[in-house]
N, C-alpha and C. Protein backbone atom coordinates (compact mmCIF):
# COMPACT_ATOMS: atom_id res chain seq x y z
N MET A 1 -2.32 -17.98 -22.28
CA MET A 1 -3.28 -18.45 -21.29
C MET A 1 -4.61 -18.73 -21.99
N ILE A 2 -5.42 -19.50 -21.35
CA ILE A 2 -6.73 -19.86 -21.89
C ILE A 2 -7.71 -18.72 -21.59
N ASN A 3 -8.43 -18.29 -22.63
CA ASN A 3 -9.36 -17.16 -22.50
C ASN A 3 -10.35 -17.34 -21.36
N ASN A 4 -10.88 -18.54 -21.22
CA ASN A 4 -11.85 -18.81 -20.15
C ASN A 4 -11.23 -18.55 -18.77
N VAL A 5 -9.99 -18.95 -18.61
CA VAL A 5 -9.30 -18.77 -17.33
C VAL A 5 -9.07 -17.28 -17.07
N ILE A 6 -8.68 -16.55 -18.09
CA ILE A 6 -8.47 -15.11 -17.94
C ILE A 6 -9.77 -14.43 -17.52
N LEU A 7 -10.86 -14.74 -18.20
CA LEU A 7 -12.15 -14.16 -17.86
C LEU A 7 -12.54 -14.51 -16.43
N ARG A 8 -12.39 -15.77 -16.07
CA ARG A 8 -12.74 -16.23 -14.72
C ARG A 8 -11.91 -15.47 -13.67
N ARG A 9 -10.62 -15.32 -13.92
CA ARG A 9 -9.74 -14.64 -12.96
C ARG A 9 -10.09 -13.16 -12.83
N VAL A 10 -10.35 -12.50 -13.96
CA VAL A 10 -10.71 -11.08 -13.92
C VAL A 10 -12.01 -10.88 -13.16
N CYS A 11 -12.99 -11.73 -13.44
CA CYS A 11 -14.29 -11.63 -12.75
C CYS A 11 -14.13 -11.90 -11.25
N ASN A 12 -13.24 -12.82 -10.92
CA ASN A 12 -12.98 -13.13 -9.52
C ASN A 12 -12.28 -11.97 -8.81
N ILE A 13 -11.33 -11.34 -9.48
CA ILE A 13 -10.59 -10.21 -8.91
C ILE A 13 -11.56 -9.09 -8.51
N PHE A 14 -12.50 -8.79 -9.40
CA PHE A 14 -13.41 -7.67 -9.18
C PHE A 14 -14.75 -8.09 -8.58
N ASP A 15 -14.88 -9.39 -8.29
CA ASP A 15 -16.09 -9.93 -7.68
C ASP A 15 -17.34 -9.60 -8.50
N PHE A 16 -17.22 -9.77 -9.83
CA PHE A 16 -18.35 -9.52 -10.72
C PHE A 16 -19.33 -10.69 -10.65
N ASN A 17 -20.61 -10.39 -10.54
CA ASN A 17 -21.62 -11.44 -10.64
C ASN A 17 -21.98 -11.63 -12.11
N ASN A 18 -22.77 -12.64 -12.42
CA ASN A 18 -23.09 -12.96 -13.81
C ASN A 18 -23.77 -11.81 -14.53
N ASP A 19 -24.67 -11.08 -13.85
CA ASP A 19 -25.35 -9.95 -14.48
C ASP A 19 -24.34 -8.88 -14.88
N LYS A 20 -23.39 -8.60 -14.01
CA LYS A 20 -22.36 -7.59 -14.29
C LYS A 20 -21.50 -8.03 -15.47
N VAL A 21 -21.14 -9.30 -15.51
CA VAL A 21 -20.31 -9.82 -16.61
C VAL A 21 -21.06 -9.69 -17.93
N CYS A 22 -22.33 -10.07 -17.93
CA CYS A 22 -23.14 -9.95 -19.16
C CYS A 22 -23.26 -8.50 -19.60
N SER A 23 -23.40 -7.58 -18.65
CA SER A 23 -23.52 -6.16 -19.02
C SER A 23 -22.20 -5.63 -19.58
N ILE A 24 -21.07 -6.12 -19.07
CA ILE A 24 -19.77 -5.71 -19.62
C ILE A 24 -19.60 -6.24 -21.04
N PHE A 25 -20.02 -7.48 -21.26
CA PHE A 25 -19.99 -8.02 -22.63
C PHE A 25 -20.83 -7.14 -23.55
N GLU A 26 -22.00 -6.72 -23.10
CA GLU A 26 -22.87 -5.86 -23.91
C GLU A 26 -22.20 -4.53 -24.24
N LEU A 27 -21.49 -3.96 -23.26
CA LEU A 27 -20.76 -2.71 -23.52
C LEU A 27 -19.73 -2.92 -24.63
N GLY A 28 -19.19 -4.13 -24.72
CA GLY A 28 -18.22 -4.48 -25.76
C GLY A 28 -18.87 -4.98 -27.03
N GLN A 29 -20.18 -4.81 -27.14
CA GLN A 29 -20.97 -5.18 -28.32
C GLN A 29 -20.95 -6.69 -28.59
N CYS A 30 -21.12 -7.45 -27.52
CA CYS A 30 -21.18 -8.91 -27.62
C CYS A 30 -22.28 -9.41 -26.70
N GLN A 31 -23.15 -10.23 -27.21
CA GLN A 31 -24.24 -10.78 -26.42
C GLN A 31 -23.85 -12.16 -25.89
N ILE A 32 -23.76 -12.26 -24.58
CA ILE A 32 -23.50 -13.54 -23.92
C ILE A 32 -24.63 -13.75 -22.92
N SER A 33 -25.32 -14.87 -23.05
CA SER A 33 -26.42 -15.16 -22.13
C SER A 33 -25.87 -15.74 -20.82
N ALA A 34 -26.73 -15.75 -19.81
CA ALA A 34 -26.33 -16.33 -18.52
C ALA A 34 -25.98 -17.81 -18.68
N GLU A 35 -26.71 -18.51 -19.55
CA GLU A 35 -26.43 -19.93 -19.79
C GLU A 35 -25.06 -20.11 -20.46
N GLN A 36 -24.76 -19.28 -21.45
CA GLN A 36 -23.46 -19.35 -22.10
C GLN A 36 -22.34 -19.04 -21.11
N LEU A 37 -22.59 -18.07 -20.24
CA LEU A 37 -21.60 -17.70 -19.24
C LEU A 37 -21.30 -18.87 -18.30
N THR A 38 -22.34 -19.58 -17.92
CA THR A 38 -22.16 -20.76 -17.08
C THR A 38 -21.28 -21.79 -17.79
N GLN A 39 -21.50 -21.97 -19.09
CA GLN A 39 -20.71 -22.92 -19.87
C GLN A 39 -19.26 -22.45 -20.02
N ILE A 40 -19.06 -21.15 -20.03
CA ILE A 40 -17.71 -20.59 -20.14
C ILE A 40 -16.94 -20.77 -18.83
N PHE A 41 -17.65 -20.64 -17.71
CA PHE A 41 -17.00 -20.68 -16.40
C PHE A 41 -16.75 -22.08 -15.85
N ILE A 42 -17.37 -23.11 -16.42
CA ILE A 42 -17.16 -24.46 -15.89
C ILE A 42 -15.80 -25.01 -16.36
N GLU A 43 -15.39 -26.08 -15.76
CA GLU A 43 -14.09 -26.68 -16.08
C GLU A 43 -14.10 -27.27 -17.49
N LYS A 44 -12.93 -27.30 -18.08
CA LYS A 44 -12.76 -27.73 -19.47
C LYS A 44 -13.18 -29.17 -19.72
N ASN A 45 -13.07 -30.03 -18.72
CA ASN A 45 -13.42 -31.44 -18.92
C ASN A 45 -14.92 -31.71 -18.87
N ASP A 46 -15.73 -30.71 -18.55
CA ASP A 46 -17.19 -30.85 -18.53
C ASP A 46 -17.70 -30.87 -19.98
N PRO A 47 -18.64 -31.76 -20.31
CA PRO A 47 -19.12 -31.85 -21.69
C PRO A 47 -19.87 -30.60 -22.17
N THR A 48 -20.36 -29.76 -21.25
CA THR A 48 -21.08 -28.55 -21.66
C THR A 48 -20.17 -27.32 -21.73
N TYR A 49 -18.86 -27.54 -21.52
CA TYR A 49 -17.87 -26.45 -21.57
C TYR A 49 -17.92 -25.74 -22.91
N LYS A 50 -17.87 -24.40 -22.88
CA LYS A 50 -17.82 -23.59 -24.10
C LYS A 50 -16.53 -22.79 -24.08
N GLU A 51 -15.74 -22.93 -25.12
CA GLU A 51 -14.49 -22.18 -25.22
C GLU A 51 -14.80 -20.73 -25.56
N LEU A 52 -14.21 -19.81 -24.83
CA LEU A 52 -14.37 -18.38 -25.08
C LEU A 52 -13.44 -17.98 -26.22
N LEU A 53 -14.01 -17.46 -27.28
CA LEU A 53 -13.23 -17.07 -28.45
C LEU A 53 -12.47 -15.77 -28.19
N ASP A 54 -11.40 -15.56 -28.95
CA ASP A 54 -10.62 -14.33 -28.82
C ASP A 54 -11.50 -13.09 -29.00
N VAL A 55 -12.37 -13.12 -30.01
CA VAL A 55 -13.22 -11.97 -30.29
C VAL A 55 -14.17 -11.69 -29.12
N GLU A 56 -14.60 -12.75 -28.42
CA GLU A 56 -15.48 -12.58 -27.26
C GLU A 56 -14.71 -11.99 -26.07
N LEU A 57 -13.49 -12.49 -25.83
CA LEU A 57 -12.68 -11.93 -24.75
C LEU A 57 -12.32 -10.48 -25.06
N ALA A 58 -12.00 -10.19 -26.32
CA ALA A 58 -11.69 -8.81 -26.71
C ALA A 58 -12.90 -7.90 -26.46
N ALA A 59 -14.10 -8.40 -26.77
CA ALA A 59 -15.31 -7.63 -26.53
C ALA A 59 -15.49 -7.37 -25.03
N PHE A 60 -15.24 -8.39 -24.21
CA PHE A 60 -15.35 -8.22 -22.76
C PHE A 60 -14.35 -7.17 -22.28
N LEU A 61 -13.09 -7.27 -22.73
CA LEU A 61 -12.07 -6.33 -22.28
C LEU A 61 -12.37 -4.91 -22.76
N ASN A 62 -12.88 -4.77 -23.98
CA ASN A 62 -13.30 -3.45 -24.46
C ASN A 62 -14.45 -2.91 -23.61
N GLY A 63 -15.38 -3.79 -23.26
CA GLY A 63 -16.49 -3.41 -22.38
C GLY A 63 -15.99 -3.04 -20.99
N LEU A 64 -14.97 -3.75 -20.51
CA LEU A 64 -14.38 -3.43 -19.20
C LEU A 64 -13.75 -2.05 -19.21
N ILE A 65 -13.08 -1.71 -20.32
CA ILE A 65 -12.49 -0.38 -20.46
C ILE A 65 -13.59 0.68 -20.36
N GLU A 66 -14.70 0.46 -21.07
CA GLU A 66 -15.81 1.42 -21.03
C GLU A 66 -16.46 1.45 -19.65
N ASP A 67 -16.60 0.30 -19.03
CA ASP A 67 -17.21 0.23 -17.70
C ASP A 67 -16.36 0.98 -16.67
N GLN A 68 -15.05 0.82 -16.74
CA GLN A 68 -14.16 1.42 -15.74
C GLN A 68 -13.85 2.89 -16.02
N ARG A 69 -13.79 3.26 -17.30
CA ARG A 69 -13.34 4.61 -17.65
C ARG A 69 -14.44 5.49 -18.24
N GLY A 70 -15.58 4.87 -18.54
CA GLY A 70 -16.67 5.62 -19.17
C GLY A 70 -16.56 5.53 -20.68
N PRO A 71 -17.65 5.89 -21.37
CA PRO A 71 -17.66 5.79 -22.83
C PRO A 71 -16.68 6.79 -23.46
N SER A 72 -16.10 6.39 -24.57
CA SER A 72 -15.17 7.29 -25.28
C SER A 72 -15.99 8.23 -26.17
N ASP A 73 -15.35 9.30 -26.59
CA ASP A 73 -16.03 10.29 -27.43
C ASP A 73 -16.28 9.77 -28.84
N GLY A 74 -15.40 8.93 -29.33
CA GLY A 74 -15.49 8.43 -30.70
C GLY A 74 -16.42 7.23 -30.81
N PRO A 75 -16.40 6.60 -31.98
CA PRO A 75 -17.24 5.41 -32.18
C PRO A 75 -16.74 4.24 -31.33
N LYS A 76 -17.64 3.30 -31.07
CA LYS A 76 -17.26 2.11 -30.29
C LYS A 76 -16.21 1.33 -31.06
N ARG A 77 -15.27 0.77 -30.31
CA ARG A 77 -14.18 0.00 -30.90
C ARG A 77 -14.66 -1.42 -31.18
N ASP A 78 -14.39 -1.92 -32.37
CA ASP A 78 -14.72 -3.31 -32.70
C ASP A 78 -13.75 -4.24 -31.99
N ALA A 79 -14.27 -5.38 -31.56
CA ALA A 79 -13.43 -6.39 -30.90
C ALA A 79 -12.50 -7.03 -31.92
N GLU A 80 -11.27 -7.24 -31.51
CA GLU A 80 -10.28 -7.87 -32.37
C GLU A 80 -10.62 -9.34 -32.57
N ASP A 81 -10.29 -9.86 -33.75
CA ASP A 81 -10.56 -11.27 -34.04
C ASP A 81 -9.57 -12.19 -33.35
N SER A 82 -8.38 -11.70 -33.08
CA SER A 82 -7.39 -12.52 -32.39
C SER A 82 -6.69 -11.67 -31.33
N LEU A 83 -6.35 -12.32 -30.24
CA LEU A 83 -5.68 -11.67 -29.12
C LEU A 83 -4.43 -12.44 -28.75
N ASN A 84 -3.46 -11.72 -28.22
CA ASN A 84 -2.31 -12.38 -27.60
C ASN A 84 -2.18 -11.81 -26.19
N ASN A 85 -1.25 -12.33 -25.43
CA ASN A 85 -1.08 -11.87 -24.05
C ASN A 85 -0.77 -10.38 -23.97
N ASN A 86 -0.03 -9.86 -24.95
CA ASN A 86 0.31 -8.44 -24.95
C ASN A 86 -0.96 -7.58 -25.04
N ALA A 87 -1.86 -7.94 -25.94
CA ALA A 87 -3.09 -7.17 -26.11
C ALA A 87 -3.97 -7.27 -24.86
N ILE A 88 -4.04 -8.44 -24.27
CA ILE A 88 -4.84 -8.63 -23.05
C ILE A 88 -4.26 -7.78 -21.92
N PHE A 89 -2.96 -7.85 -21.75
CA PHE A 89 -2.26 -7.09 -20.72
C PHE A 89 -2.51 -5.59 -20.92
N ASN A 90 -2.38 -5.13 -22.17
CA ASN A 90 -2.56 -3.72 -22.47
C ASN A 90 -4.00 -3.27 -22.19
N LYS A 91 -4.98 -4.07 -22.57
CA LYS A 91 -6.38 -3.71 -22.33
C LYS A 91 -6.68 -3.63 -20.84
N LEU A 92 -6.13 -4.54 -20.06
CA LEU A 92 -6.32 -4.48 -18.60
C LEU A 92 -5.66 -3.23 -18.02
N LYS A 93 -4.48 -2.92 -18.51
CA LYS A 93 -3.77 -1.72 -18.05
C LYS A 93 -4.58 -0.46 -18.37
N ILE A 94 -5.14 -0.40 -19.55
CA ILE A 94 -5.96 0.75 -19.96
C ILE A 94 -7.23 0.82 -19.13
N ALA A 95 -7.91 -0.32 -18.97
CA ALA A 95 -9.17 -0.34 -18.21
C ALA A 95 -8.98 0.18 -16.80
N LEU A 96 -7.85 -0.14 -16.20
CA LEU A 96 -7.59 0.23 -14.81
C LEU A 96 -6.81 1.53 -14.68
N SER A 97 -6.54 2.18 -15.82
CA SER A 97 -5.80 3.46 -15.85
C SER A 97 -4.49 3.37 -15.09
N LEU A 98 -3.74 2.31 -15.34
CA LEU A 98 -2.49 2.08 -14.61
C LEU A 98 -1.30 2.71 -15.32
N LYS A 99 -0.44 3.31 -14.54
CA LYS A 99 0.83 3.85 -15.03
C LYS A 99 1.88 2.75 -14.87
N ALA A 100 3.02 2.95 -15.53
CA ALA A 100 4.08 1.93 -15.52
C ALA A 100 4.50 1.55 -14.11
N ASP A 101 4.68 2.54 -13.23
CA ASP A 101 5.11 2.23 -11.86
C ASP A 101 4.08 1.37 -11.13
N GLU A 102 2.80 1.62 -11.39
CA GLU A 102 1.73 0.84 -10.76
C GLU A 102 1.73 -0.59 -11.28
N VAL A 103 1.94 -0.74 -12.58
CA VAL A 103 2.00 -2.08 -13.18
C VAL A 103 3.18 -2.85 -12.60
N LEU A 104 4.33 -2.19 -12.48
CA LEU A 104 5.51 -2.85 -11.93
C LEU A 104 5.28 -3.28 -10.48
N ALA A 105 4.59 -2.44 -9.71
CA ALA A 105 4.28 -2.79 -8.32
C ALA A 105 3.34 -3.99 -8.25
N ILE A 106 2.36 -4.02 -9.15
CA ILE A 106 1.42 -5.15 -9.20
C ILE A 106 2.16 -6.43 -9.58
N LEU A 107 3.06 -6.33 -10.56
CA LEU A 107 3.85 -7.50 -10.96
C LEU A 107 4.70 -8.00 -9.79
N GLU A 108 5.25 -7.10 -9.01
CA GLU A 108 6.05 -7.52 -7.85
C GLU A 108 5.19 -8.24 -6.82
N LEU A 109 3.93 -7.80 -6.65
CA LEU A 109 3.02 -8.54 -5.78
C LEU A 109 2.81 -9.96 -6.30
N GLY A 110 2.85 -10.10 -7.63
CA GLY A 110 2.71 -11.40 -8.28
C GLY A 110 4.03 -12.15 -8.41
N LYS A 111 5.07 -11.64 -7.76
CA LYS A 111 6.38 -12.31 -7.67
C LYS A 111 7.21 -12.26 -8.96
N ILE A 112 7.02 -11.18 -9.75
CA ILE A 112 7.87 -10.98 -10.93
C ILE A 112 8.39 -9.55 -10.88
N THR A 113 9.69 -9.40 -11.10
CA THR A 113 10.30 -8.08 -11.11
C THR A 113 10.80 -7.77 -12.52
N LEU A 114 10.35 -6.64 -13.04
CA LEU A 114 10.78 -6.18 -14.36
C LEU A 114 11.24 -4.73 -14.25
N SER A 115 12.05 -4.31 -15.20
CA SER A 115 12.42 -2.89 -15.30
C SER A 115 11.35 -2.18 -16.14
N LYS A 116 11.35 -0.85 -16.09
CA LYS A 116 10.42 -0.09 -16.93
C LYS A 116 10.65 -0.40 -18.41
N TYR A 117 11.91 -0.56 -18.77
CA TYR A 117 12.25 -0.86 -20.16
C TYR A 117 11.67 -2.21 -20.58
N GLU A 118 11.83 -3.21 -19.73
CA GLU A 118 11.28 -4.54 -20.05
C GLU A 118 9.76 -4.48 -20.16
N LEU A 119 9.13 -3.73 -19.25
CA LEU A 119 7.68 -3.60 -19.29
C LEU A 119 7.22 -2.90 -20.56
N SER A 120 7.89 -1.82 -20.94
CA SER A 120 7.47 -1.07 -22.12
C SER A 120 7.56 -1.90 -23.40
N ALA A 121 8.44 -2.89 -23.42
CA ALA A 121 8.58 -3.75 -24.60
C ALA A 121 7.30 -4.52 -24.88
N PHE A 122 6.51 -4.82 -23.84
CA PHE A 122 5.25 -5.54 -24.04
C PHE A 122 4.20 -4.68 -24.72
N PHE A 123 4.31 -3.37 -24.58
CA PHE A 123 3.27 -2.47 -25.10
C PHE A 123 3.67 -1.78 -26.39
N ARG A 124 4.78 -2.18 -26.97
CA ARG A 124 5.23 -1.61 -28.24
C ARG A 124 4.48 -2.26 -29.41
N ASN A 125 4.58 -1.61 -30.55
CA ASN A 125 4.03 -2.17 -31.78
C ASN A 125 4.77 -3.46 -32.10
N VAL A 126 4.03 -4.43 -32.61
CA VAL A 126 4.61 -5.75 -32.90
C VAL A 126 5.78 -5.65 -33.88
N ASN A 127 5.80 -4.63 -34.71
CA ASN A 127 6.88 -4.46 -35.69
C ASN A 127 8.06 -3.68 -35.14
N HIS A 128 7.97 -3.18 -33.93
CA HIS A 128 9.07 -2.43 -33.32
C HIS A 128 10.21 -3.39 -32.97
N LYS A 129 11.43 -2.93 -33.15
CA LYS A 129 12.59 -3.82 -32.94
C LYS A 129 12.72 -4.26 -31.48
N ASN A 130 12.17 -3.50 -30.54
CA ASN A 130 12.27 -3.85 -29.12
C ASN A 130 11.00 -4.49 -28.56
N TYR A 131 10.07 -4.85 -29.45
CA TYR A 131 8.84 -5.53 -29.03
C TYR A 131 9.19 -6.88 -28.41
N LYS A 132 8.49 -7.23 -27.34
CA LYS A 132 8.71 -8.53 -26.71
C LYS A 132 7.35 -9.16 -26.42
N GLU A 133 7.24 -10.45 -26.69
CA GLU A 133 5.99 -11.16 -26.39
C GLU A 133 5.85 -11.35 -24.89
N CYS A 134 4.63 -11.12 -24.42
CA CYS A 134 4.32 -11.31 -23.01
C CYS A 134 4.04 -12.79 -22.77
N SER A 135 4.77 -13.37 -21.85
CA SER A 135 4.60 -14.80 -21.57
C SER A 135 3.36 -15.03 -20.70
N ASP A 136 2.91 -16.27 -20.65
CA ASP A 136 1.81 -16.65 -19.77
C ASP A 136 2.18 -16.37 -18.32
N ASP A 137 3.45 -16.58 -17.97
CA ASP A 137 3.90 -16.36 -16.60
C ASP A 137 3.76 -14.90 -16.18
N VAL A 138 4.11 -13.98 -17.08
CA VAL A 138 4.02 -12.55 -16.76
C VAL A 138 2.55 -12.15 -16.63
N LEU A 139 1.71 -12.58 -17.56
CA LEU A 139 0.29 -12.23 -17.49
C LEU A 139 -0.35 -12.83 -16.24
N SER A 140 0.00 -14.06 -15.92
CA SER A 140 -0.53 -14.71 -14.73
C SER A 140 -0.07 -13.99 -13.46
N ALA A 141 1.19 -13.57 -13.43
CA ALA A 141 1.71 -12.83 -12.27
C ALA A 141 0.99 -11.50 -12.13
N PHE A 142 0.70 -10.85 -13.25
CA PHE A 142 -0.03 -9.59 -13.21
C PHE A 142 -1.42 -9.80 -12.62
N LEU A 143 -2.11 -10.84 -13.07
CA LEU A 143 -3.45 -11.13 -12.55
C LEU A 143 -3.39 -11.50 -11.06
N SER A 144 -2.37 -12.26 -10.67
CA SER A 144 -2.20 -12.61 -9.25
C SER A 144 -1.94 -11.37 -8.41
N GLY A 145 -1.06 -10.50 -8.89
CA GLY A 145 -0.76 -9.26 -8.19
C GLY A 145 -1.96 -8.35 -8.11
N LEU A 146 -2.75 -8.32 -9.17
CA LEU A 146 -3.97 -7.51 -9.19
C LEU A 146 -4.96 -8.00 -8.14
N LYS A 147 -5.06 -9.31 -7.99
CA LYS A 147 -5.93 -9.90 -6.99
C LYS A 147 -5.47 -9.47 -5.58
N ILE A 148 -4.19 -9.56 -5.33
CA ILE A 148 -3.64 -9.18 -4.03
C ILE A 148 -3.89 -7.69 -3.78
N LYS A 149 -3.62 -6.85 -4.79
CA LYS A 149 -3.81 -5.39 -4.64
C LYS A 149 -5.27 -5.07 -4.39
N HIS A 150 -6.16 -5.75 -5.08
CA HIS A 150 -7.58 -5.46 -4.95
C HIS A 150 -8.11 -5.87 -3.56
N GLU A 151 -7.49 -6.88 -2.95
CA GLU A 151 -7.92 -7.34 -1.63
C GLU A 151 -7.40 -6.45 -0.50
N GLN A 152 -6.39 -5.62 -0.79
CA GLN A 152 -5.80 -4.77 0.25
C GLN A 152 -6.71 -3.62 0.62
């Protein structure tokens, strides 16, 4: 999925205003101005569109984890230079303190049914023999289900 779309959907799910989004980026050790945020949120065909880099989305998700769960005891985590759907999915799961059953229920709201085994494959180490890449469809269904759950 496109990083800008993921950020837009997450902010929409939690009804974050621009100030809140900027403060979450700061928690993730990334400075994004209100003007840059506007450029990130506009449609891709606009000439002022700014593509959100993986490291910036990782910083936002790390900041979201801190915002939702509080600061960790150890040093702040550096944002990853590259992200895939598995890492994004995992960071959202951590930020929201979701257990496997809760994730499966959210996915069902998003019209995808998985077993616990299939779900756990997304969160395994990339070198594990049972690791599975998370598709755009699964991540999108999770975000859709999260939106529905949050509105209930």
